[in-house]
Amino acid sequence: MKNTFILAFLAITLQMQAQVSLPNIPTDRESKLITYSDVVNQTGVDASELFKRANERYSKFYNNPTEKLRKKDEENKSLELFVRFKLFNIDKKGVKTDSGELMQYTLNIACKDGKYRYEFTKFNLKAASYKPAEPLLDKNSPSADRNAIWLKQVDEEIKKVIDDLEKGMIAAPIIVTGK
């Protein structure tokens, strides 16, 4: 009986000490919002060409791209998109099930001569009122395990979009055929 009590006590203690491993999610220092951003140099490319490429990228990458476009400012060469994607629960066996939750975010792209800036921000769970995603970062939350799974999906989704955007913003090589 004494051994059973000790084993139960140790199991509870170890479980309480187990830290949930969250992915490295970037946050803005000032606003504390989850934010992925970068300025990418494109030497020798003017703002109009970069803006054209940005338009082409989001149109090819996203399903229903016109639904996602919130603002297109041709004069200032900027785009604002509002995007959402499904979150899934994944059990200990790796079985993936629909969580019924949607993650939403805003993507801003601004183009200037020789560079463009992207910013993914305002992450929130779709709900009747604004439900920010930052509480998912709390390692001490009772839902920390589920939150870590969702944050991993957010991180993977955004990195996939960034990769596609950066590749798409590079001009395709011009192939010159000989005579």
Foldseek 3Di string as FASTA:
>chain_A
DVVVVVVVVVVVVVVVPDWQDAPPFDADPPVRWRKDKDKDFDAPAFLQLLLVLLVVLQVVPDDPSVVQWDDQDNVQSKTKGKDKDWAWFQDPVRDTDTPVKIKIWMWMWTGGTGIIMIMITLIAIDDPDTHGLSVLVDRPDPCVNRSRSRNVVVVVVVVVSVVSSVVSSDDDDDDDDDD
